[in-house]
Amino acid sequence: MYTLNDYGLKVRAEYRYRYTTVDSADVLGAGYEDARYNDHIVSLGLQIPIGAPPQAPAPAPAPTPAQPQDSDGDGVIDANDQCPGTPRGTEVDARGCPIEKKAPIVLKGVTFEFDSSKLTSQATNRLDNVVDALNASPNVDFRVDGYTDSVGTQQYNLGLSQRRVDSVKSYLMNHGISSSRITGTEGHGESNPVATNETAAGRAQNRRVELHVTNQGDDSGM
């Protein structure tokens, strides 16, 4: 059988040869006679299907590739995570390892005249030491943050802390520190106290200016 097309139309050809031997008695009683028959059968047929041809089964869908896993949710997939199991919310580097945060440098001794952003002589002496340290570490960039105690309104203290931070920034720039190294300044008012505001000593600790290193580069002196 030979298929002619995709619709199932087929042609069929057959050849048969049949040979038969029959022993039969002589009708006159004279004996037996052998009878032999030869048949040659040739047939040719056309098979026409009724209805649509059977459809080939659809190929199996390709397996969906497995999604890379990030078990500790730090944004680095497990295959690349060199520090698995970091706590949720931990800031990590490209290897998935916690980024070491430098503690802020609290500029103790940087004080201001009462209700003013003017630096005292004690403050300028302290800032001169800061300038020397920054010049010794030229690749260090930093942010300046300022705070007040709780005396006064919150809105007023926000403005006062910002003016004091700006005074520190101006002093550093006037003494050779490039503005490109100062990545930001912000006055936070009375927020984030480091001591109680119920005592004079505690309030003095809360009136502070901090330097936060934002890029240490290759320097480790600060």
N, C-alpha and C. Protein backbone atom coordinates (compact mmCIF):
# COMPACT_ATOMS: atom_id res chain seq x y z
N MET A 1 0.86 -1.19 0.00
CA MET A 1 0.00 0.00 0.00
C MET A 1 0.89 1.24 0.00
N TYR A 2 0.50 2.21 -0.80
CA TYR A 2 1.31 3.41 -0.95
C TYR A 2 0.42 4.63 -0.70
N THR A 3 0.86 5.51 0.19
CA THR A 3 0.11 6.73 0.49
C THR A 3 0.45 7.80 -0.53
N LEU A 4 -0.61 8.38 -1.12
CA LEU A 4 -0.40 9.34 -2.20
C LEU A 4 -0.24 10.77 -1.69
N ASN A 5 -0.92 11.12 -0.58
CA ASN A 5 -0.86 12.50 -0.09
C ASN A 5 -1.12 12.52 1.41
N ASP A 6 -1.17 13.76 1.95
CA ASP A 6 -1.35 13.92 3.39
C ASP A 6 -2.79 13.71 3.83
N TYR A 7 -3.71 13.55 2.90
CA TYR A 7 -5.12 13.40 3.25
C TYR A 7 -5.52 11.94 3.41
N GLY A 8 -4.56 11.03 3.32
CA GLY A 8 -4.85 9.62 3.54
C GLY A 8 -5.25 8.84 2.30
N LEU A 9 -5.15 9.46 1.11
CA LEU A 9 -5.47 8.75 -0.13
C LEU A 9 -4.36 7.73 -0.41
N LYS A 10 -4.76 6.46 -0.58
CA LYS A 10 -3.78 5.39 -0.74
C LYS A 10 -4.14 4.51 -1.93
N VAL A 11 -3.13 3.93 -2.57
CA VAL A 11 -3.33 2.97 -3.65
C VAL A 11 -2.77 1.63 -3.17
N ARG A 12 -3.52 0.59 -3.53
CA ARG A 12 -3.13 -0.75 -3.07
C ARG A 12 -3.11 -1.70 -4.26
N ALA A 13 -2.01 -2.44 -4.44
CA ALA A 13 -1.88 -3.43 -5.52
C ALA A 13 -1.53 -4.78 -4.90
N GLU A 14 -2.19 -5.84 -5.42
CA GLU A 14 -1.93 -7.19 -4.91
C GLU A 14 -1.80 -8.17 -6.07
N TYR A 15 -0.96 -9.14 -5.85
CA TYR A 15 -0.82 -10.25 -6.81
C TYR A 15 -0.83 -11.54 -6.02
N ARG A 16 -1.67 -12.49 -6.49
CA ARG A 16 -1.75 -13.80 -5.84
C ARG A 16 -1.65 -14.90 -6.90
N TYR A 17 -0.96 -15.95 -6.52
CA TYR A 17 -0.89 -17.16 -7.37
C TYR A 17 -1.42 -18.32 -6.56
N ARG A 18 -2.39 -19.02 -7.14
CA ARG A 18 -3.01 -20.16 -6.45
C ARG A 18 -2.87 -21.41 -7.30
N TYR A 19 -2.34 -22.48 -6.70
CA TYR A 19 -2.17 -23.78 -7.37
C TYR A 19 -2.92 -24.82 -6.56
N THR A 20 -3.84 -25.56 -7.23
CA THR A 20 -4.69 -26.54 -6.54
C THR A 20 -4.61 -27.88 -7.26
N THR A 21 -4.47 -28.95 -6.48
CA THR A 21 -4.50 -30.33 -7.00
C THR A 21 -5.68 -31.06 -6.38
N VAL A 22 -6.49 -31.74 -7.26
CA VAL A 22 -7.69 -32.46 -6.79
C VAL A 22 -7.64 -33.88 -7.33
N ASP A 23 -7.78 -34.89 -6.47
CA ASP A 23 -7.92 -36.30 -6.88
C ASP A 23 -9.40 -36.63 -7.01
N SER A 24 -9.83 -37.08 -8.20
CA SER A 24 -11.26 -37.39 -8.42
C SER A 24 -11.40 -38.74 -9.12
N ALA A 25 -12.43 -39.47 -8.83
CA ALA A 25 -12.68 -40.81 -9.45
C ALA A 25 -13.16 -40.66 -10.88
N ASP A 26 -12.72 -41.65 -11.73
CA ASP A 26 -13.18 -41.67 -13.13
C ASP A 26 -14.67 -41.97 -13.14
N VAL A 27 -15.44 -41.13 -13.82
CA VAL A 27 -16.89 -41.31 -13.84
C VAL A 27 -17.29 -42.63 -14.49
N LEU A 28 -16.36 -43.23 -15.27
CA LEU A 28 -16.68 -44.51 -15.92
C LEU A 28 -16.17 -45.68 -15.10
N GLY A 29 -15.58 -45.39 -13.93
CA GLY A 29 -15.09 -46.44 -13.05
C GLY A 29 -13.78 -47.02 -13.48
N ALA A 30 -13.09 -46.34 -14.38
CA ALA A 30 -11.84 -46.88 -14.89
C ALA A 30 -10.65 -46.56 -13.99
N GLY A 31 -10.83 -45.71 -13.06
CA GLY A 31 -9.71 -45.38 -12.16
C GLY A 31 -9.80 -43.93 -11.67
N TYR A 32 -8.66 -43.42 -11.24
CA TYR A 32 -8.62 -42.05 -10.70
C TYR A 32 -7.89 -41.13 -11.66
N GLU A 33 -8.23 -39.90 -11.52
CA GLU A 33 -7.62 -38.88 -12.40
C GLU A 33 -7.22 -37.68 -11.53
N ASP A 34 -5.99 -37.23 -11.74
CA ASP A 34 -5.54 -36.03 -11.02
C ASP A 34 -5.97 -34.78 -11.78
N ALA A 35 -6.51 -33.80 -10.99
CA ALA A 35 -6.90 -32.51 -11.58
C ALA A 35 -6.02 -31.41 -10.97
N ARG A 36 -5.49 -30.53 -11.79
CA ARG A 36 -4.63 -29.44 -11.32
C ARG A 36 -5.16 -28.11 -11.86
N TYR A 37 -5.13 -27.08 -10.93
CA TYR A 37 -5.63 -25.76 -11.31
C TYR A 37 -4.58 -24.71 -10.96
N ASN A 38 -4.40 -23.79 -11.86
CA ASN A 38 -3.49 -22.65 -11.65
C ASN A 38 -4.31 -21.36 -11.76
N ASP A 39 -4.18 -20.51 -10.74
CA ASP A 39 -4.86 -19.21 -10.76
C ASP A 39 -3.83 -18.09 -10.57
N HIS A 40 -3.95 -17.04 -11.35
CA HIS A 40 -3.17 -15.81 -11.19
C HIS A 40 -4.16 -14.68 -10.92
N ILE A 41 -4.03 -14.05 -9.75
CA ILE A 41 -4.98 -12.99 -9.37
C ILE A 41 -4.20 -11.69 -9.19
N VAL A 42 -4.58 -10.70 -9.95
CA VAL A 42 -4.00 -9.36 -9.84
C VAL A 42 -5.12 -8.40 -9.50
N SER A 43 -4.91 -7.60 -8.40
CA SER A 43 -5.94 -6.61 -8.03
C SER A 43 -5.28 -5.26 -7.79
N LEU A 44 -5.99 -4.22 -8.10
CA LEU A 44 -5.52 -2.85 -7.90
C LEU A 44 -6.67 -2.07 -7.27
N GLY A 45 -6.41 -1.43 -6.14
CA GLY A 45 -7.47 -0.71 -5.45
C GLY A 45 -7.04 0.68 -5.02
N LEU A 46 -8.02 1.55 -4.84
CA LEU A 46 -7.79 2.92 -4.38
C LEU A 46 -8.54 3.10 -3.06
N GLN A 47 -7.83 3.46 -2.01
CA GLN A 47 -8.45 3.64 -0.69
C GLN A 47 -8.64 5.12 -0.45
N ILE A 48 -9.91 5.52 -0.33
CA ILE A 48 -10.25 6.94 -0.12
C ILE A 48 -10.81 7.09 1.29
N PRO A 49 -10.15 7.84 2.17
CA PRO A 49 -10.65 8.00 3.54
C PRO A 49 -11.89 8.88 3.57
N ILE A 50 -12.76 8.61 4.51
CA ILE A 50 -13.95 9.43 4.74
C ILE A 50 -13.69 10.27 5.98
N GLY A 51 -13.82 11.58 5.85
CA GLY A 51 -13.57 12.46 6.99
C GLY A 51 -12.14 12.97 6.99
N ALA A 52 -11.86 13.78 8.02
CA ALA A 52 -10.54 14.41 8.12
C ALA A 52 -9.49 13.38 8.49
N PRO A 53 -8.28 13.56 7.99
CA PRO A 53 -7.21 12.63 8.36
C PRO A 53 -6.85 12.79 9.83
N PRO A 54 -6.35 11.76 10.42
CA PRO A 54 -5.97 11.86 11.83
C PRO A 54 -4.86 12.88 12.03
N GLN A 55 -5.02 13.67 13.07
CA GLN A 55 -4.04 14.71 13.36
C GLN A 55 -2.90 14.14 14.20
N ALA A 56 -1.71 14.59 13.85
CA ALA A 56 -0.56 14.18 14.65
C ALA A 56 -0.65 14.82 16.03
N PRO A 57 -0.30 14.11 17.05
CA PRO A 57 -0.38 14.70 18.40
C PRO A 57 0.51 15.93 18.52
N ALA A 58 0.00 16.94 19.25
CA ALA A 58 0.78 18.16 19.44
C ALA A 58 2.03 17.85 20.24
N PRO A 59 3.13 18.50 19.88
CA PRO A 59 4.37 18.24 20.64
C PRO A 59 4.22 18.68 22.09
N ALA A 60 4.83 17.97 22.95
CA ALA A 60 4.77 18.30 24.37
C ALA A 60 5.43 19.66 24.60
N PRO A 61 4.82 20.51 25.44
CA PRO A 61 5.42 21.83 25.69
C PRO A 61 6.79 21.68 26.34
N ALA A 62 7.63 22.63 25.98
CA ALA A 62 8.98 22.62 26.56
C ALA A 62 8.88 22.86 28.06
N PRO A 63 9.67 22.18 28.83
CA PRO A 63 9.60 22.39 30.28
C PRO A 63 9.98 23.81 30.66
N THR A 64 9.23 24.38 31.61
CA THR A 64 9.52 25.72 32.08
C THR A 64 10.81 25.72 32.89
N PRO A 65 11.75 26.58 32.50
CA PRO A 65 13.01 26.58 33.27
C PRO A 65 12.77 26.99 34.71
N ALA A 66 13.44 26.36 35.60
CA ALA A 66 13.28 26.65 37.02
C ALA A 66 13.77 28.06 37.32
N GLN A 67 12.98 28.78 38.14
CA GLN A 67 13.37 30.12 38.52
C GLN A 67 14.52 30.07 39.53
N PRO A 68 15.52 30.95 39.35
CA PRO A 68 16.61 30.95 40.33
C PRO A 68 16.09 31.32 41.71
N GLN A 69 16.59 30.66 42.71
CA GLN A 69 16.12 30.85 44.07
C GLN A 69 16.98 31.90 44.80
N ASP A 70 16.30 32.66 45.65
CA ASP A 70 16.96 33.63 46.53
C ASP A 70 16.42 33.38 47.93
N SER A 71 16.98 32.39 48.60
CA SER A 71 16.40 31.89 49.85
C SER A 71 16.34 32.94 50.95
N ASP A 72 17.37 33.80 51.03
CA ASP A 72 17.36 34.78 52.12
C ASP A 72 16.80 36.13 51.70
N GLY A 73 16.35 36.25 50.43
CA GLY A 73 15.66 37.46 50.00
C GLY A 73 16.51 38.71 49.98
N ASP A 74 17.82 38.55 49.76
CA ASP A 74 18.69 39.73 49.76
C ASP A 74 18.94 40.29 48.37
N GLY A 75 18.28 39.69 47.34
CA GLY A 75 18.45 40.18 45.98
C GLY A 75 19.57 39.52 45.22
N VAL A 76 20.29 38.60 45.84
CA VAL A 76 21.37 37.84 45.18
C VAL A 76 20.96 36.38 45.17
N ILE A 77 20.89 35.78 43.96
CA ILE A 77 20.41 34.40 43.87
C ILE A 77 21.37 33.46 44.59
N ASP A 78 20.81 32.32 45.02
CA ASP A 78 21.59 31.38 45.83
C ASP A 78 22.87 30.94 45.13
N ALA A 79 22.81 30.78 43.79
CA ALA A 79 23.99 30.30 43.07
C ALA A 79 25.16 31.26 43.18
N ASN A 80 24.88 32.56 43.39
CA ASN A 80 25.94 33.57 43.48
C ASN A 80 26.16 34.09 44.89
N ASP A 81 25.32 33.63 45.83
CA ASP A 81 25.35 34.17 47.19
C ASP A 81 26.47 33.53 48.00
N GLN A 82 27.48 34.33 48.32
CA GLN A 82 28.61 33.83 49.11
C GLN A 82 28.38 33.94 50.61
N CYS A 83 27.28 34.60 50.99
CA CYS A 83 26.94 34.73 52.42
C CYS A 83 25.46 34.40 52.58
N PRO A 84 25.09 33.12 52.43
CA PRO A 84 23.67 32.76 52.53
C PRO A 84 23.14 32.96 53.95
N GLY A 85 21.83 33.17 54.02
CA GLY A 85 21.19 33.26 55.32
C GLY A 85 21.30 34.61 55.99
N THR A 86 21.58 35.68 55.22
CA THR A 86 21.63 37.01 55.85
C THR A 86 20.23 37.40 56.30
N PRO A 87 20.11 38.08 57.43
CA PRO A 87 18.78 38.49 57.93
C PRO A 87 18.07 39.39 56.94
N ARG A 88 16.74 39.31 56.95
CA ARG A 88 15.94 40.15 56.06
C ARG A 88 16.24 41.62 56.32
N GLY A 89 16.35 42.38 55.21
CA GLY A 89 16.58 43.81 55.33
C GLY A 89 18.04 44.20 55.42
N THR A 90 18.94 43.22 55.50
CA THR A 90 20.36 43.54 55.57
C THR A 90 20.85 44.06 54.22
N GLU A 91 21.57 45.17 54.24
CA GLU A 91 22.14 45.70 53.00
C GLU A 91 23.36 44.87 52.63
N VAL A 92 23.35 44.33 51.40
CA VAL A 92 24.43 43.43 50.98
C VAL A 92 25.09 43.96 49.71
N ASP A 93 26.29 43.41 49.43
CA ASP A 93 26.99 43.76 48.20
C ASP A 93 26.64 42.75 47.11
N ALA A 94 27.35 42.81 45.97
CA ALA A 94 27.03 41.94 44.84
C ALA A 94 27.27 40.47 45.16
N ARG A 95 28.06 40.18 46.19
CA ARG A 95 28.31 38.79 46.58
C ARG A 95 27.26 38.26 47.55
N GLY A 96 26.34 39.15 47.99
CA GLY A 96 25.35 38.73 48.97
C GLY A 96 25.84 38.83 50.39
N CYS A 97 26.96 39.50 50.61
CA CYS A 97 27.53 39.63 51.95
C CYS A 97 27.18 41.00 52.53
N PRO A 98 26.95 41.07 53.85
CA PRO A 98 26.58 42.35 54.47
C PRO A 98 27.63 43.42 54.23
N ILE A 99 27.14 44.62 53.95
CA ILE A 99 28.04 45.76 53.76
C ILE A 99 28.37 46.34 55.13
N GLU A 100 29.64 46.43 55.41
CA GLU A 100 30.07 46.98 56.69
C GLU A 100 29.83 48.49 56.69
N LYS A 101 29.06 48.93 57.66
CA LYS A 101 28.76 50.35 57.76
C LYS A 101 29.67 50.99 58.80
N LYS A 102 30.32 52.05 58.39
CA LYS A 102 31.19 52.77 59.31
C LYS A 102 30.32 53.54 60.30
N ALA A 103 30.71 53.52 61.55
CA ALA A 103 29.99 54.30 62.55
C ALA A 103 30.20 55.79 62.26
N PRO A 104 29.17 56.61 62.53
CA PRO A 104 29.34 58.04 62.27
C PRO A 104 30.43 58.63 63.15
N ILE A 105 31.10 59.62 62.61
CA ILE A 105 32.12 60.33 63.36
C ILE A 105 31.45 61.52 64.04
N VAL A 106 31.24 61.42 65.34
CA VAL A 106 30.61 62.50 66.08
C VAL A 106 31.66 63.56 66.37
N LEU A 107 31.39 64.77 65.92
CA LEU A 107 32.36 65.86 66.09
C LEU A 107 32.18 66.48 67.47
N LYS A 108 32.67 65.80 68.47
CA LYS A 108 32.58 66.33 69.83
C LYS A 108 33.41 67.61 69.93
N GLY A 109 32.84 68.57 70.59
CA GLY A 109 33.53 69.84 70.73
C GLY A 109 33.14 70.86 69.69
N VAL A 110 32.37 70.45 68.69
CA VAL A 110 31.88 71.40 67.69
C VAL A 110 30.62 72.03 68.27
N THR A 111 30.78 73.18 68.88
CA THR A 111 29.67 73.86 69.55
C THR A 111 29.39 75.18 68.85
N PHE A 112 28.24 75.73 69.20
CA PHE A 112 27.78 76.96 68.56
C PHE A 112 27.37 77.96 69.63
N GLU A 113 27.40 79.21 69.25
CA GLU A 113 26.88 80.22 70.16
C GLU A 113 25.40 79.99 70.38
N PHE A 114 24.89 80.46 71.52
CA PHE A 114 23.51 80.17 71.91
C PHE A 114 22.54 80.61 70.81
N ASP A 115 21.65 79.66 70.48
CA ASP A 115 20.59 79.91 69.50
C ASP A 115 21.17 80.49 68.20
N SER A 116 22.33 79.95 67.78
CA SER A 116 23.01 80.50 66.62
C SER A 116 23.71 79.38 65.87
N SER A 117 24.04 79.67 64.62
CA SER A 117 24.81 78.72 63.82
C SER A 117 26.27 79.15 63.72
N LYS A 118 26.65 80.16 64.48
CA LYS A 118 28.03 80.64 64.46
C LYS A 118 28.90 79.70 65.27
N LEU A 119 30.01 79.26 64.68
CA LEU A 119 30.92 78.34 65.34
C LEU A 119 31.69 79.05 66.45
N THR A 120 31.86 78.37 67.57
CA THR A 120 32.71 78.89 68.64
C THR A 120 34.17 78.63 68.30
N SER A 121 35.07 79.27 69.05
CA SER A 121 36.50 79.04 68.82
C SER A 121 36.86 77.59 69.10
N GLN A 122 36.21 76.98 70.08
CA GLN A 122 36.46 75.56 70.35
C GLN A 122 36.06 74.72 69.15
N ALA A 123 34.96 75.09 68.50
CA ALA A 123 34.48 74.34 67.34
C ALA A 123 35.46 74.45 66.18
N THR A 124 36.00 75.64 65.93
CA THR A 124 36.92 75.78 64.80
C THR A 124 38.21 74.99 65.04
N ASN A 125 38.67 74.93 66.31
CA ASN A 125 39.85 74.12 66.60
C ASN A 125 39.58 72.64 66.32
N ARG A 126 38.39 72.20 66.69
CA ARG A 126 38.04 70.79 66.44
C ARG A 126 37.94 70.52 64.95
N LEU A 127 37.36 71.45 64.19
CA LEU A 127 37.21 71.26 62.75
C LEU A 127 38.55 71.31 62.04
N ASP A 128 39.52 72.05 62.59
CA ASP A 128 40.85 72.04 61.98
C ASP A 128 41.45 70.64 62.02
N ASN A 129 41.21 69.92 63.11
CA ASN A 129 41.68 68.53 63.20
C ASN A 129 40.97 67.65 62.18
N VAL A 130 39.67 67.92 61.96
CA VAL A 130 38.91 67.15 60.98
C VAL A 130 39.46 67.40 59.58
N VAL A 131 39.80 68.66 59.28
CA VAL A 131 40.36 68.99 57.97
C VAL A 131 41.66 68.21 57.75
N ASP A 132 42.51 68.14 58.77
CA ASP A 132 43.76 67.40 58.63
C ASP A 132 43.50 65.93 58.34
N ALA A 133 42.52 65.35 59.04
CA ALA A 133 42.20 63.93 58.83
C ALA A 133 41.64 63.69 57.44
N LEU A 134 40.81 64.61 56.97
CA LEU A 134 40.23 64.46 55.63
C LEU A 134 41.29 64.62 54.55
N ASN A 135 42.22 65.53 54.75
CA ASN A 135 43.29 65.69 53.77
C ASN A 135 44.20 64.47 53.73
N ALA A 136 44.31 63.78 54.84
CA ALA A 136 45.12 62.56 54.88
C ALA A 136 44.41 61.38 54.23
N SER A 137 43.12 61.52 54.01
CA SER A 137 42.32 60.44 53.38
C SER A 137 41.54 61.04 52.22
N PRO A 138 42.23 61.38 51.12
CA PRO A 138 41.58 62.14 50.04
C PRO A 138 40.48 61.39 49.30
N ASN A 139 40.40 60.08 49.46
CA ASN A 139 39.36 59.33 48.75
C ASN A 139 38.09 59.14 49.57
N VAL A 140 38.06 59.68 50.77
CA VAL A 140 36.89 59.53 51.63
C VAL A 140 35.88 60.62 51.31
N ASP A 141 34.65 60.19 51.01
CA ASP A 141 33.52 61.11 50.86
C ASP A 141 32.62 60.97 52.08
N PHE A 142 31.85 61.99 52.38
CA PHE A 142 31.08 61.95 53.62
C PHE A 142 29.83 62.83 53.53
N ARG A 143 28.94 62.61 54.46
CA ARG A 143 27.72 63.39 54.61
C ARG A 143 27.74 64.04 55.99
N VAL A 144 27.18 65.25 56.09
CA VAL A 144 27.15 65.97 57.36
C VAL A 144 25.72 66.03 57.87
N ASP A 145 25.52 65.58 59.11
CA ASP A 145 24.19 65.61 59.72
C ASP A 145 24.26 66.36 61.04
N GLY A 146 23.21 67.14 61.31
CA GLY A 146 23.18 67.94 62.53
C GLY A 146 21.93 67.69 63.36
N TYR A 147 22.06 67.87 64.68
CA TYR A 147 20.97 67.60 65.61
C TYR A 147 20.96 68.68 66.70
N THR A 148 19.80 68.84 67.32
CA THR A 148 19.65 69.78 68.44
C THR A 148 19.09 69.03 69.63
N ASP A 149 18.97 69.75 70.75
CA ASP A 149 18.24 69.18 71.88
C ASP A 149 16.75 69.47 71.68
N SER A 150 15.95 69.22 72.70
CA SER A 150 14.50 69.34 72.55
C SER A 150 13.97 70.70 72.96
N VAL A 151 14.85 71.63 73.33
CA VAL A 151 14.39 72.97 73.71
C VAL A 151 13.95 73.71 72.45
N GLY A 152 12.75 74.28 72.47
CA GLY A 152 12.23 74.96 71.30
C GLY A 152 11.28 74.06 70.51
N THR A 153 10.64 74.65 69.51
CA THR A 153 9.68 73.88 68.71
C THR A 153 10.43 72.98 67.73
N GLN A 154 9.75 71.95 67.32
CA GLN A 154 10.38 71.01 66.38
C GLN A 154 10.74 71.70 65.07
N GLN A 155 9.84 72.55 64.58
CA GLN A 155 10.10 73.23 63.31
C GLN A 155 11.31 74.16 63.42
N TYR A 156 11.39 74.86 64.54
CA TYR A 156 12.52 75.78 64.72
C TYR A 156 13.83 75.00 64.82
N ASN A 157 13.80 73.89 65.54
CA ASN A 157 15.02 73.10 65.71
C ASN A 157 15.49 72.49 64.39
N LEU A 158 14.55 72.14 63.52
CA LEU A 158 14.94 71.63 62.20
C LEU A 158 15.73 72.68 61.43
N GLY A 159 15.22 73.91 61.44
CA GLY A 159 15.93 74.98 60.74
C GLY A 159 17.27 75.29 61.38
N LEU A 160 17.31 75.29 62.72
CA LEU A 160 18.56 75.60 63.42
C LEU A 160 19.62 74.54 63.14
N SER A 161 19.23 73.27 63.17
CA SER A 161 20.20 72.20 62.91
C SER A 161 20.72 72.26 61.48
N GLN A 162 19.86 72.66 60.54
CA GLN A 162 20.31 72.77 59.15
C GLN A 162 21.30 73.92 58.99
N ARG A 163 21.04 75.03 59.67
CA ARG A 163 21.96 76.18 59.56
C ARG A 163 23.32 75.82 60.17
N ARG A 164 23.31 75.06 61.24
CA ARG A 164 24.57 74.67 61.86
C ARG A 164 25.35 73.69 60.97
N VAL A 165 24.64 72.78 60.33
CA VAL A 165 25.30 71.87 59.40
C VAL A 165 25.91 72.64 58.24
N ASP A 166 25.18 73.63 57.75
CA ASP A 166 25.71 74.43 56.64
C ASP A 166 26.96 75.20 57.07
N SER A 167 27.00 75.63 58.33
CA SER A 167 28.20 76.32 58.83
C SER A 167 29.41 75.40 58.83
N VAL A 168 29.20 74.14 59.27
CA VAL A 168 30.29 73.17 59.27
C VAL A 168 30.76 72.90 57.84
N LYS A 169 29.81 72.73 56.92
CA LYS A 169 30.17 72.48 55.52
C LYS A 169 30.99 73.64 54.96
N SER A 170 30.54 74.86 55.21
CA SER A 170 31.25 76.03 54.69
C SER A 170 32.66 76.11 55.26
N TYR A 171 32.81 75.80 56.54
CA TYR A 171 34.14 75.85 57.15
C TYR A 171 35.07 74.84 56.50
N LEU A 172 34.59 73.64 56.29
CA LEU A 172 35.42 72.61 55.67
C LEU A 172 35.83 73.00 54.26
N MET A 173 34.88 73.54 53.48
CA MET A 173 35.19 73.93 52.11
C MET A 173 36.17 75.10 52.08
N ASN A 174 36.01 76.04 53.02
CA ASN A 174 36.92 77.20 53.06
C ASN A 174 38.33 76.80 53.48
N HIS A 175 38.46 75.58 53.99
CA HIS A 175 39.78 75.11 54.41
C HIS A 175 40.28 73.96 53.52
N GLY A 176 39.82 73.95 52.27
CA GLY A 176 40.42 73.08 51.27
C GLY A 176 39.73 71.76 51.00
N ILE A 177 38.61 71.50 51.65
CA ILE A 177 37.90 70.25 51.39
C ILE A 177 36.95 70.47 50.21
N SER A 178 37.10 69.67 49.15
CA SER A 178 36.28 69.84 47.95
C SER A 178 34.81 69.55 48.24
N SER A 179 33.95 70.39 47.66
CA SER A 179 32.51 70.18 47.85
C SER A 179 32.05 68.85 47.25
N SER A 180 32.81 68.32 46.27
CA SER A 180 32.42 67.05 45.66
C SER A 180 32.54 65.88 46.64
N ARG A 181 33.31 66.07 47.71
CA ARG A 181 33.45 65.01 48.70
C ARG A 181 32.31 65.04 49.72
N ILE A 182 31.59 66.14 49.76
CA ILE A 182 30.47 66.26 50.71
C ILE A 182 29.20 65.85 49.97
N THR A 183 28.76 64.63 50.21
CA THR A 183 27.66 64.07 49.42
C THR A 183 26.28 64.53 49.88
N GLY A 184 26.20 65.22 51.01
CA GLY A 184 24.90 65.71 51.46
C GLY A 184 25.01 66.34 52.83
N THR A 185 24.03 67.19 53.13
CA THR A 185 23.91 67.77 54.47
C THR A 185 22.45 67.74 54.85
N GLU A 186 22.19 67.51 56.13
CA GLU A 186 20.80 67.51 56.57
C GLU A 186 20.72 67.81 58.06
N GLY A 187 19.81 68.71 58.40
CA GLY A 187 19.52 68.99 59.80
C GLY A 187 18.31 68.19 60.23
N HIS A 188 18.44 67.47 61.33
CA HIS A 188 17.37 66.58 61.79
C HIS A 188 16.64 67.12 63.01
N GLY A 189 17.00 68.31 63.46
CA GLY A 189 16.32 68.86 64.63
C GLY A 189 16.60 68.02 65.87
N GLU A 190 15.55 67.79 66.65
CA GLU A 190 15.70 67.08 67.92
C GLU A 190 15.54 65.57 67.78
N SER A 191 15.41 65.06 66.55
CA SER A 191 15.23 63.61 66.36
C SER A 191 16.52 62.86 66.66
N ASN A 192 16.37 61.55 66.89
CA ASN A 192 17.50 60.65 67.14
C ASN A 192 18.41 61.12 68.27
N PRO A 193 17.88 61.43 69.43
CA PRO A 193 18.76 61.84 70.53
C PRO A 193 19.66 60.70 70.97
N VAL A 194 20.87 61.05 71.39
CA VAL A 194 21.80 60.03 71.89
C VAL A 194 21.84 60.02 73.41
N ALA A 195 21.14 60.95 74.03
CA ALA A 195 21.09 61.03 75.49
C ALA A 195 19.74 61.63 75.88
N THR A 196 19.46 61.65 77.17
CA THR A 196 18.20 62.21 77.64
C THR A 196 18.20 63.72 77.49
N ASN A 197 17.03 64.27 77.22
CA ASN A 197 16.87 65.71 77.16
C ASN A 197 16.38 66.28 78.49
N GLU A 198 16.36 65.44 79.53
CA GLU A 198 15.88 65.87 80.84
C GLU A 198 16.97 66.53 81.67
N THR A 199 18.22 66.39 81.23
CA THR A 199 19.33 67.00 81.98
C THR A 199 20.14 67.89 81.06
N ALA A 200 20.87 68.82 81.67
CA ALA A 200 21.71 69.73 80.89
C ALA A 200 22.82 68.96 80.18
N ALA A 201 23.37 67.96 80.86
CA ALA A 201 24.44 67.17 80.24
C ALA A 201 23.91 66.37 79.05
N GLY A 202 22.72 65.82 79.19
CA GLY A 202 22.14 65.06 78.09
C GLY A 202 21.82 65.94 76.90
N ARG A 203 21.29 67.13 77.18
CA ARG A 203 20.97 68.04 76.08
C ARG A 203 22.24 68.47 75.34
N ALA A 204 23.32 68.63 76.08
CA ALA A 204 24.59 69.01 75.45
C ALA A 204 25.06 67.92 74.49
N GLN A 205 24.85 66.65 74.85
CA GLN A 205 25.25 65.55 73.95
C GLN A 205 24.38 65.51 72.70
N ASN A 206 23.13 65.89 72.84
CA ASN A 206 22.22 65.84 71.69
C ASN A 206 22.46 66.97 70.71
N ARG A 207 23.07 68.07 71.17
CA ARG A 207 23.42 69.16 70.25
C ARG A 207 24.75 68.78 69.59
N ARG A 208 24.65 68.11 68.45
CA ARG A 208 25.86 67.52 67.87
C ARG A 208 25.84 67.60 66.35
N VAL A 209 27.01 67.45 65.76
CA VAL A 209 27.18 67.33 64.31
C VAL A 209 27.93 66.03 64.05
N GLU A 210 27.48 65.28 63.05
CA GLU A 210 28.08 63.99 62.73
C GLU A 210 28.56 63.98 61.28
N LEU A 211 29.67 63.28 61.05
CA LEU A 211 30.12 62.99 59.69
C LEU A 211 29.86 61.51 59.44
N HIS A 212 29.18 61.20 58.35
CA HIS A 212 28.92 59.82 57.95
C HIS A 212 29.69 59.53 56.67
N VAL A 213 30.64 58.61 56.74
CA VAL A 213 31.43 58.25 55.56
C VAL A 213 30.52 57.53 54.57
N THR A 214 30.46 58.03 53.34
CA THR A 214 29.62 57.41 52.31
C THR A 214 30.43 56.66 51.27
N ASN A 215 31.71 56.99 51.14
CA ASN A 215 32.58 56.28 50.20
C ASN A 215 33.99 56.35 50.75
N GLN A 216 34.51 55.18 51.11
CA GLN A 216 35.83 55.15 51.73
C GLN A 216 36.94 55.01 50.72
N GLY A 217 36.61 54.60 49.49
CA GLY A 217 37.64 54.43 48.47
C GLY A 217 38.70 53.45 48.95
N ASP A 218 39.95 53.78 48.73
CA ASP A 218 41.06 52.93 49.16
C ASP A 218 41.66 53.38 50.49
N ASP A 219 41.01 54.39 51.12
CA ASP A 219 41.57 54.92 52.36
C ASP A 219 40.95 54.22 53.55
N SER A 220 41.69 54.03 54.57
CA SER A 220 41.17 53.41 55.79
C SER A 220 41.53 54.22 57.02
N GLY A 221 41.91 55.47 56.83
CA GLY A 221 42.36 56.26 57.96
C GLY A 221 41.23 56.86 58.77
N MET A 222 40.00 56.81 58.27
CA MET A 222 38.90 57.41 59.03
C MET A 222 37.92 56.34 59.43
